Every structure is written in structure tokens, then in C-alpha cells.
Amino acid sequence: GHRRKNWKVRKFVLRDDPAYLHYYDPAGGEDPLGTIRLRGCVVTAVEDVPDSKKYEIDNNLFEVITADDIHYYLQAASPTERTEWIKAIQTVARTGK
């Protein structure tokens, strides 16, 4: 959504061997639409987003910055879920292969 200025619902699968976050179309399909390499990434909560009302952002955002300096903005369903995702991704980024 950070490049196209719109948000799409995606299903995410976190893997630690190799350390990747795969994303899929929630309507189905076995092949991922894309992959985020997590080894050496930085993940943080995002508290303030310009134009959040314009883009219907609920402020449950977090950002993943890959080792290649690619920025991904993801929105969780709730603050609790955002915290769980951040912790899980940090663990995989640190210990995954």
C-alpha cells in the first residue's frame, strides 16, 4: 500500500527457515504474491502516518525495513496483533536462517 496509495488485504505466513514473510491473496491460491526477506531486517511500530484518514488507516501499522533498505508498511487488525507480529518478526530476523 505504501507505493500505490491504497491498501489490500493479504494473508501472511512467517517462516524462519529461510527467514521470510510470504504474502498471499486471501481469496485463495497456493503461490505467494510476494516475499519479504527478514534476515537482518528492522521492524518497528508506526505511530503517526500523514493522511491516515485519507487512506483509511487505523493506526495499527508497523514497518519492516529489509537489509536491502526496502520499506514495507503493514497494518494489523488490532494493537495486540500488531505487537505479536512485531515480536515474531524480530525473533525470526534475529534467529532465522
C-alpha atoms as a PDB file:
ATOM      1  CA  GLY A   1       0.000   0.000   0.000  1.00  0.00           C
ATOM      2  CA  HIS A   2       2.870   2.434   0.555  1.00  0.00           C
ATOM      3  CA  ARG A   3       3.623   2.627  -3.162  1.00  0.00           C
ATOM      4  CA  ARG A   4       0.156   2.506  -4.703  1.00  0.00           C
ATOM      5  CA  LYS A   5      -1.561   4.615  -2.041  1.00  0.00           C
ATOM      6  CA  ASN A   6      -4.225   2.001  -1.449  1.00  0.00           C
ATOM      7  CA  TRP A   7      -4.474  -0.887   0.970  1.00  0.00           C
ATOM      8  CA  LYS A   8      -5.155  -4.526   0.165  1.00  0.00           C
ATOM      9  CA  VAL A   9      -5.951  -7.382   2.492  1.00  0.00           C
ATOM     10  CA  ARG A  10      -3.297 -10.086   2.356  1.00  0.00           C
ATOM     11  CA  LYS A  11      -2.699 -13.359   4.156  1.00  0.00           C
ATOM     12  CA  PHE A  12       0.819 -13.532   5.643  1.00  0.00           C
ATOM     13  CA  VAL A  13       2.869 -16.608   6.529  1.00  0.00           C
ATOM     14  CA  LEU A  14       6.002 -16.193   8.636  1.00  0.00           C
ATOM     15  CA  ARG A  15       8.811 -18.710   8.138  1.00  0.00           C
ATOM     16  CA  ASP A  16      12.116 -18.999   9.973  1.00  0.00           C
ATOM     17  CA  ASP A  17      13.994 -21.363   7.642  1.00  0.00           C
ATOM     18  CA  PRO A  18      14.540 -19.408   5.494  1.00  0.00           C
ATOM     19  CA  ALA A  19      13.612 -16.173   7.283  1.00  0.00           C
ATOM     20  CA  TYR A  20      10.845 -14.867   5.029  1.00  0.00           C
ATOM     21  CA  LEU A  21       7.404 -13.339   5.274  1.00  0.00           C
ATOM     22  CA  HIS A  22       5.308 -14.618   2.363  1.00  0.00           C
ATOM     23  CA  TYR A  23       2.071 -12.934   1.401  1.00  0.00           C
ATOM     24  CA  TYR A  24      -0.888 -14.383  -0.443  1.00  0.00           C
ATOM     25  CA  ASP A  25      -4.236 -13.337  -1.864  1.00  0.00           C
ATOM     26  CA  PRO A  26      -6.746 -14.145   0.902  1.00  0.00           C
ATOM     27  CA  ALA A  27      -9.241 -15.410  -1.698  1.00  0.00           C
ATOM     28  CA  GLY A  28      -7.004 -18.397  -2.377  1.00  0.00           C
ATOM     29  CA  GLY A  29      -4.050 -19.542  -4.367  1.00  0.00           C
ATOM     30  CA  GLU A  30      -1.099 -21.593  -3.228  1.00  0.00           C
ATOM     31  CA  ASP A  31       1.634 -19.450  -4.737  1.00  0.00           C
ATOM     32  CA  PRO A  32       2.712 -16.344  -2.817  1.00  0.00           C
ATOM     33  CA  LEU A  33       2.153 -12.943  -4.402  1.00  0.00           C
ATOM     34  CA  GLY A  34       5.426 -11.802  -2.884  1.00  0.00           C
ATOM     35  CA  THR A  35       8.094 -12.392  -0.298  1.00  0.00           C
ATOM     36  CA  ILE A  36       9.844 -10.177   2.237  1.00  0.00           C
ATOM     37  CA  ARG A  37      13.326 -11.331   3.256  1.00  0.00           C
ATOM     38  CA  LEU A  38      13.611 -10.870   7.024  1.00  0.00           C
ATOM     39  CA  ARG A  39      17.229 -11.761   7.789  1.00  0.00           C
ATOM     40  CA  GLY A  40      18.785  -8.606   9.234  1.00  0.00           C
ATOM     41  CA  CYS A  41      15.612  -6.534   8.910  1.00  0.00           C
ATOM     42  CA  VAL A  42      14.350  -3.884  11.300  1.00  0.00           C
ATOM     43  CA  VAL A  43      10.690  -3.858  12.367  1.00  0.00           C
ATOM     44  CA  THR A  44       9.030  -1.073  14.339  1.00  0.00           C
ATOM     45  CA  ALA A  45       5.598   0.214  15.240  1.00  0.00           C
ATOM     46  CA  VAL A  46       4.454   3.251  13.256  1.00  0.00           C
ATOM     47  CA  GLU A  47       2.525   5.721  15.376  1.00  0.00           C
ATOM     48  CA  ASP A  48       1.961   8.723  13.119  1.00  0.00           C
ATOM     49  CA  VAL A  49       1.016   8.473   9.474  1.00  0.00           C
ATOM     50  CA  PRO A  50       0.379  11.554   7.346  1.00  0.00           C
ATOM     51  CA  ASP A  51      -3.002  11.422   5.574  1.00  0.00           C
ATOM     52  CA  SER A  52      -4.109   8.426   7.654  1.00  0.00           C
ATOM     53  CA  LYS A  53      -7.766   9.435   7.354  1.00  0.00           C
ATOM     54  CA  LYS A  54      -7.471   9.869   3.583  1.00  0.00           C
ATOM     55  CA  TYR A  55      -6.186   6.314   3.179  1.00  0.00           C
ATOM     56  CA  GLU A  56      -8.395   4.728   5.878  1.00  0.00           C
ATOM     57  CA  ILE A  57      -5.515   3.707   8.132  1.00  0.00           C
ATOM     58  CA  ASP A  58      -6.449   2.533  11.629  1.00  0.00           C
ATOM     59  CA  ASN A  59      -3.028   3.235  13.165  1.00  0.00           C
ATOM     60  CA  ASN A  60      -2.201  -0.423  13.841  1.00  0.00           C
ATOM     61  CA  LEU A  61       0.727  -0.006  11.476  1.00  0.00           C
ATOM     62  CA  PHE A  62       4.209  -1.394  11.600  1.00  0.00           C
ATOM     63  CA  GLU A  63       7.129  -1.055   9.235  1.00  0.00           C
ATOM     64  CA  VAL A  64       9.567  -3.687   8.048  1.00  0.00           C
ATOM     65  CA  ILE A  65      12.832  -2.351   6.611  1.00  0.00           C
ATOM     66  CA  THR A  66      14.836  -5.072   4.898  1.00  0.00           C
ATOM     67  CA  ALA A  67      18.620  -5.345   4.845  1.00  0.00           C
ATOM     68  CA  ASP A  68      18.362  -4.010   1.257  1.00  0.00           C
ATOM     69  CA  ASP A  69      16.594  -0.862   2.601  1.00  0.00           C
ATOM     70  CA  ILE A  70      13.173  -1.732   1.175  1.00  0.00           C
ATOM     71  CA  HIS A  71      10.348  -0.361   3.341  1.00  0.00           C
ATOM     72  CA  TYR A  72       7.082  -2.254   3.817  1.00  0.00           C
ATOM     73  CA  TYR A  73       4.156  -0.803   5.766  1.00  0.00           C
ATOM     74  CA  LEU A  74       1.736  -3.371   7.166  1.00  0.00           C
ATOM     75  CA  GLN A  75      -1.468  -2.872   9.116  1.00  0.00           C
ATOM     76  CA  ALA A  76      -2.598  -5.348  11.760  1.00  0.00           C
ATOM     77  CA  ALA A  77      -6.221  -5.892  12.787  1.00  0.00           C
ATOM     78  CA  SER A  78      -5.627  -4.651  16.357  1.00  0.00           C
ATOM     79  CA  PRO A  79      -2.903  -3.144  18.578  1.00  0.00           C
ATOM     80  CA  THR A  80      -2.415  -6.534  20.254  1.00  0.00           C
ATOM     81  CA  GLU A  81      -1.989  -8.292  16.917  1.00  0.00           C
ATOM     82  CA  ARG A  82       0.490  -5.609  15.805  1.00  0.00           C
ATOM     83  CA  THR A  83       2.613  -6.258  18.911  1.00  0.00           C
ATOM     84  CA  GLU A  84       2.526 -10.023  18.293  1.00  0.00           C
ATOM     85  CA  TRP A  85       3.617  -9.592  14.653  1.00  0.00           C
ATOM     86  CA  ILE A  86       6.452  -7.248  15.601  1.00  0.00           C
ATOM     87  CA  LYS A  87       7.795  -9.661  18.245  1.00  0.00           C
ATOM     88  CA  ALA A  88       7.534 -12.661  15.919  1.00  0.00           C
ATOM     89  CA  ILE A  89       9.257 -10.884  13.021  1.00  0.00           C
ATOM     90  CA  GLN A  90      12.031  -9.584  15.311  1.00  0.00           C
ATOM     91  CA  THR A  91      12.671 -13.123  16.534  1.00  0.00           C
ATOM     92  CA  VAL A  92      12.830 -14.557  13.009  1.00  0.00           C
ATOM     93  CA  ALA A  93      15.040 -11.693  11.798  1.00  0.00           C
ATOM     94  CA  ARG A  94      17.476 -12.413  14.612  1.00  0.00           C
ATOM     95  CA  THR A  95      17.438 -16.228  14.729  1.00  0.00           C
ATOM     96  CA  GLY A  96      16.101 -17.367  11.326  1.00  0.00           C
ATOM     97  CA  LYS A  97      18.271 -18.784   8.592  1.00  0.00           C
END
